[in-house]
Amino acid sequence: MKKKAYAVIGLGRFGMPLAKKLAEAGKEVIGVDMDEERVKEFREFSEYAFVAKKLSKEVLIEIGIQNCDLVAVCIGSKVETSILVTLNVLNLGVPVISKATSMEQGEVLAKLGATVVYPERDMALRLAKSILRKNLIDYLPIGKNMEITEIEVADRMAGKTIVDLDLRRRYSLNVIAIHHAEQIETDVRPDCRLCQGDTITVIGKEENVTRFVDDYS
């Protein structure tokens, strides 16, 4: 099977960690930036690191972007460049994930056909949730007000079983995993008893997760 290839265009505060993480995972990664120092830094992780002062369709083809399985356009601050590069990559027939710094920019990128991410906004929301939900470990929004959330077992949860918590009836939540000690259980039994230090991963609507956490905090 052919190894998947990725490209990250824009090796800034968002793009560089993304590109490095993909490369460290053993993926073939093309890194592109206008800044020579950033490209030099990324060459320690991939031989496919290119300085590009212009990001025209011709330059992207020369770099080999058309051979990638996915491209991340991480040029959030230069809106016109971000939109143009996203359009050029999509016209090459390659799926794109584009970073946006404003809703207006995101709307344009989405209309072009890109998947849009808002790193600063998402980080702010994550911080707000961690402040408001005392036992929140992590969460992943999955659209339409739904999320997958990992929650630390609070004192009032410890010793109770999944049946005792009555998550499905009272909160319309489903437990999809329990992490305790060094083991993760994904086949969650109704009689599984929670212990101090465990975490549970649930899926459901945001307001129901909040209500559950508030009830047991």
Protein backbone atom coordinates (compact mmCIF):
# COMPACT_ATOMS: atom_id res chain seq x y z
CA MET A 1 0.00 0.00 0.00
CA LYS A 2 1.32 3.43 -0.93
CA LYS A 3 2.27 5.59 2.03
CA LYS A 4 -0.01 8.60 2.39
CA ALA A 5 1.53 11.99 1.68
CA TYR A 6 0.60 15.28 3.31
CA ALA A 7 1.56 18.90 2.79
CA VAL A 8 1.52 21.78 5.23
CA ILE A 9 1.64 25.22 3.63
CA GLY A 10 2.61 27.83 6.21
CA LEU A 11 5.02 26.69 8.92
CA GLY A 12 3.99 29.14 11.63
CA ARG A 13 2.74 28.63 15.18
CA PHE A 14 0.01 26.29 13.96
CA GLY A 15 1.52 24.78 10.83
CA MET A 16 4.95 23.86 12.20
CA PRO A 17 3.74 21.70 15.13
CA LEU A 18 1.23 20.06 12.79
CA ALA A 19 3.88 19.26 10.18
CA LYS A 20 6.35 17.99 12.78
CA LYS A 21 3.74 15.74 14.40
CA LEU A 22 2.80 14.18 11.07
CA ALA A 23 6.45 13.62 10.20
CA GLU A 24 7.20 12.12 13.62
CA ALA A 25 4.34 9.68 13.00
CA GLY A 26 6.24 8.38 9.99
CA LYS A 27 4.16 10.15 7.34
CA GLU A 28 5.59 11.68 4.18
CA VAL A 29 5.21 15.42 4.71
CA ILE A 30 5.89 18.36 2.44
CA GLY A 31 6.50 21.62 4.32
CA VAL A 32 6.21 24.97 2.52
CA ASP A 33 6.87 28.49 3.79
CA MET A 34 8.17 31.85 2.64
CA ASP A 35 10.58 32.04 5.57
CA GLU A 36 13.92 30.28 5.01
CA GLU A 37 14.59 29.78 8.73
CA ARG A 38 11.29 27.97 9.25
CA VAL A 39 11.95 25.73 6.27
CA LYS A 40 15.46 25.02 7.55
CA GLU A 41 13.98 24.05 10.93
CA PHE A 42 11.52 21.66 9.31
CA ARG A 43 14.26 19.98 7.23
CA GLU A 44 15.27 18.16 10.43
CA PHE A 45 11.94 16.32 10.18
CA SER A 46 11.46 15.93 6.43
CA GLU A 47 13.59 16.19 3.29
CA TYR A 48 10.58 17.70 1.51
CA ALA A 49 10.86 21.27 2.82
CA PHE A 50 10.56 24.15 0.36
CA VAL A 51 10.92 27.92 0.42
CA ALA A 52 8.25 29.47 -1.80
CA LYS A 53 7.98 33.24 -2.13
CA LYS A 54 4.98 32.82 -4.45
CA LEU A 55 2.32 30.14 -4.14
CA SER A 56 0.85 30.09 -7.61
CA LYS A 57 -0.68 26.94 -9.06
CA GLU A 58 2.48 26.40 -11.13
CA VAL A 59 4.71 26.62 -8.06
CA LEU A 60 2.47 24.20 -6.15
CA ILE A 61 2.68 21.71 -9.02
CA GLU A 62 6.47 22.05 -9.11
CA ILE A 63 6.60 21.26 -5.39
CA GLY A 64 4.40 18.20 -5.93
CA ILE A 65 1.27 19.25 -4.06
CA GLN A 66 -0.93 17.46 -6.61
CA ASN A 67 0.49 14.12 -5.41
CA CYS A 68 -0.62 14.63 -1.81
CA ASP A 69 -3.59 12.93 -0.17
CA LEU A 70 -4.35 16.00 1.97
CA VAL A 71 -3.06 19.55 2.26
CA ALA A 72 -3.27 21.81 5.31
CA VAL A 73 -3.22 25.51 4.43
CA CYS A 74 -2.06 27.27 7.58
CA ILE A 75 -1.90 30.89 6.40
CA GLY A 76 -4.52 32.38 8.68
CA SER A 77 -3.37 35.99 8.92
CA LYS A 78 -2.89 36.66 5.18
CA VAL A 79 -6.49 36.23 4.14
CA GLU A 80 -6.12 36.77 0.39
CA THR A 81 -3.15 34.40 0.20
CA SER A 82 -4.97 31.80 2.26
CA ILE A 83 -8.00 31.89 -0.04
CA LEU A 84 -5.95 31.84 -3.25
CA VAL A 85 -3.73 28.94 -2.12
CA THR A 86 -6.76 26.98 -0.94
CA LEU A 87 -8.43 27.51 -4.32
CA ASN A 88 -5.28 26.47 -6.22
CA VAL A 89 -4.88 23.28 -4.20
CA LEU A 90 -8.54 22.35 -4.60
CA ASN A 91 -8.23 22.92 -8.36
CA LEU A 92 -5.44 20.36 -8.31
CA GLY A 93 -7.96 17.85 -7.00
CA VAL A 94 -6.51 17.56 -3.49
CA PRO A 95 -8.64 17.82 -0.31
CA VAL A 96 -7.79 20.83 1.86
CA ILE A 97 -7.98 21.72 5.53
CA SER A 98 -7.61 25.50 5.90
CA LYS A 99 -6.91 27.55 8.99
CA ALA A 100 -9.13 30.61 9.48
CA THR A 101 -8.78 33.46 11.94
CA SER A 102 -12.26 34.93 11.40
CA MET A 103 -15.74 33.65 10.63
CA GLU A 104 -15.79 35.66 7.37
CA GLN A 105 -12.57 34.04 6.17
CA GLY A 106 -13.88 30.64 7.24
CA GLU A 107 -17.12 31.11 5.30
CA VAL A 108 -15.24 31.90 2.09
CA LEU A 109 -12.90 28.92 2.55
CA ALA A 110 -15.83 26.61 3.25
CA LYS A 111 -17.65 27.79 0.11
CA LEU A 112 -14.55 26.95 -1.91
CA GLY A 113 -14.79 23.40 -0.60
CA ALA A 114 -12.19 23.34 2.18
CA THR A 115 -12.63 21.91 5.65
CA VAL A 116 -12.14 24.89 7.96
CA VAL A 117 -10.49 24.96 11.39
CA TYR A 118 -10.31 27.86 13.85
CA PRO A 119 -7.33 27.09 16.15
CA GLU A 120 -7.51 30.23 18.29
CA ARG A 121 -11.28 30.02 18.71
CA ASP A 122 -11.18 26.30 19.45
CA MET A 123 -8.43 26.77 22.04
CA ALA A 124 -10.44 29.54 23.70
CA LEU A 125 -13.54 27.32 23.81
CA ARG A 126 -11.50 24.44 25.23
CA LEU A 127 -10.14 26.73 27.96
CA ALA A 128 -13.61 28.07 28.76
CA LYS A 129 -15.01 24.55 29.05
CA SER A 130 -12.15 23.45 31.32
CA ILE A 131 -12.88 26.43 33.59
CA LEU A 132 -16.64 25.89 33.62
CA ARG A 133 -16.50 22.10 33.92
CA LYS A 134 -14.37 21.24 36.90
CA ASN A 135 -13.84 17.58 35.97
CA LEU A 136 -13.34 18.02 32.21
CA ILE A 137 -10.22 16.28 30.86
CA ASP A 138 -10.76 16.75 27.14
CA TYR A 139 -13.51 17.10 24.57
CA LEU A 140 -14.05 16.81 20.83
CA PRO A 141 -16.92 18.67 19.12
CA ILE A 142 -18.48 16.55 16.38
CA GLY A 143 -21.08 18.94 15.00
CA LYS A 144 -24.75 19.76 15.60
CA ASN A 145 -24.12 20.57 19.27
CA MET A 146 -22.74 17.05 19.86
CA GLU A 147 -19.44 16.25 21.53
CA ILE A 148 -17.29 13.43 22.82
CA THR A 149 -16.07 14.33 26.29
CA GLU A 150 -13.61 12.74 28.70
CA ILE A 151 -14.55 13.41 32.33
CA GLU A 152 -12.68 12.68 35.53
CA VAL A 153 -14.73 10.62 37.98
CA ALA A 154 -15.78 13.02 40.74
CA ASP A 155 -16.15 12.08 44.41
CA ARG A 156 -19.92 11.72 44.01
CA MET A 157 -19.48 9.32 41.07
CA ALA A 158 -16.94 7.05 42.75
CA GLY A 159 -18.38 3.70 43.84
CA LYS A 160 -21.38 4.00 41.53
CA THR A 161 -22.06 1.79 38.54
CA ILE A 162 -23.06 2.94 35.06
CA VAL A 163 -26.59 1.81 35.92
CA ASP A 164 -26.54 3.92 39.09
CA LEU A 165 -25.63 7.03 37.12
CA ASP A 166 -28.53 6.35 34.72
CA LEU A 167 -26.78 8.40 32.07
CA ARG A 168 -28.87 7.32 29.11
CA ARG A 169 -32.30 8.03 30.65
CA ARG A 170 -31.45 11.12 32.73
CA TYR A 171 -28.97 12.83 30.41
CA SER A 172 -29.28 11.11 26.99
CA LEU A 173 -25.57 10.30 27.16
CA ASN A 174 -23.79 7.12 26.16
CA VAL A 175 -20.58 5.95 27.85
CA ILE A 176 -18.17 4.76 25.15
CA ALA A 177 -15.04 4.16 27.26
CA ILE A 178 -13.76 3.96 30.82
CA HIS A 179 -10.10 4.54 31.57
CA HIS A 180 -8.88 3.17 34.88
CA ALA A 181 -5.36 2.36 36.00
CA GLU A 182 -3.47 1.36 32.84
CA GLN A 183 -6.51 -0.12 31.11
CA ILE A 184 -9.14 1.33 28.80
CA GLU A 185 -12.46 -0.48 28.54
CA THR A 186 -14.48 0.17 25.40
CA ASP A 187 -16.96 -2.66 26.02
CA VAL A 188 -18.65 -0.87 28.90
CA ARG A 189 -20.91 -3.06 31.02
CA PRO A 190 -23.88 -1.58 32.92
CA ASP A 191 -22.55 -3.05 36.18
CA CYS A 192 -19.09 -1.51 35.76
CA ARG A 193 -18.22 0.31 39.00
CA LEU A 194 -16.35 3.60 38.84
CA CYS A 195 -13.36 4.34 41.06
CA GLN A 196 -11.55 7.47 42.17
CA GLY A 197 -9.00 8.38 39.49
CA ASP A 198 -10.99 6.83 36.63
CA THR A 199 -12.11 8.84 33.63
CA ILE A 200 -15.20 8.17 31.55
CA THR A 201 -15.74 9.14 27.93
CA VAL A 202 -19.29 10.02 26.96
CA ILE A 203 -20.99 11.11 23.75
CA GLY A 204 -24.04 13.37 23.61
CA LYS A 205 -25.33 16.91 23.36
CA GLU A 206 -23.24 19.68 24.88
CA GLU A 207 -25.96 20.87 27.26
CA ASN A 208 -26.53 17.33 28.55
CA VAL A 209 -22.83 16.83 29.23
CA THR A 210 -22.76 20.13 31.12
CA ARG A 211 -25.83 19.15 33.15
CA PHE A 212 -24.29 15.78 34.07
CA VAL A 213 -20.97 17.34 35.13
CA ASP A 214 -22.75 20.05 37.15
CA ASP A 215 -24.91 17.49 38.95
CA TYR A 216 -21.88 15.54 40.13
CA SER A 217 -19.35 18.31 40.71
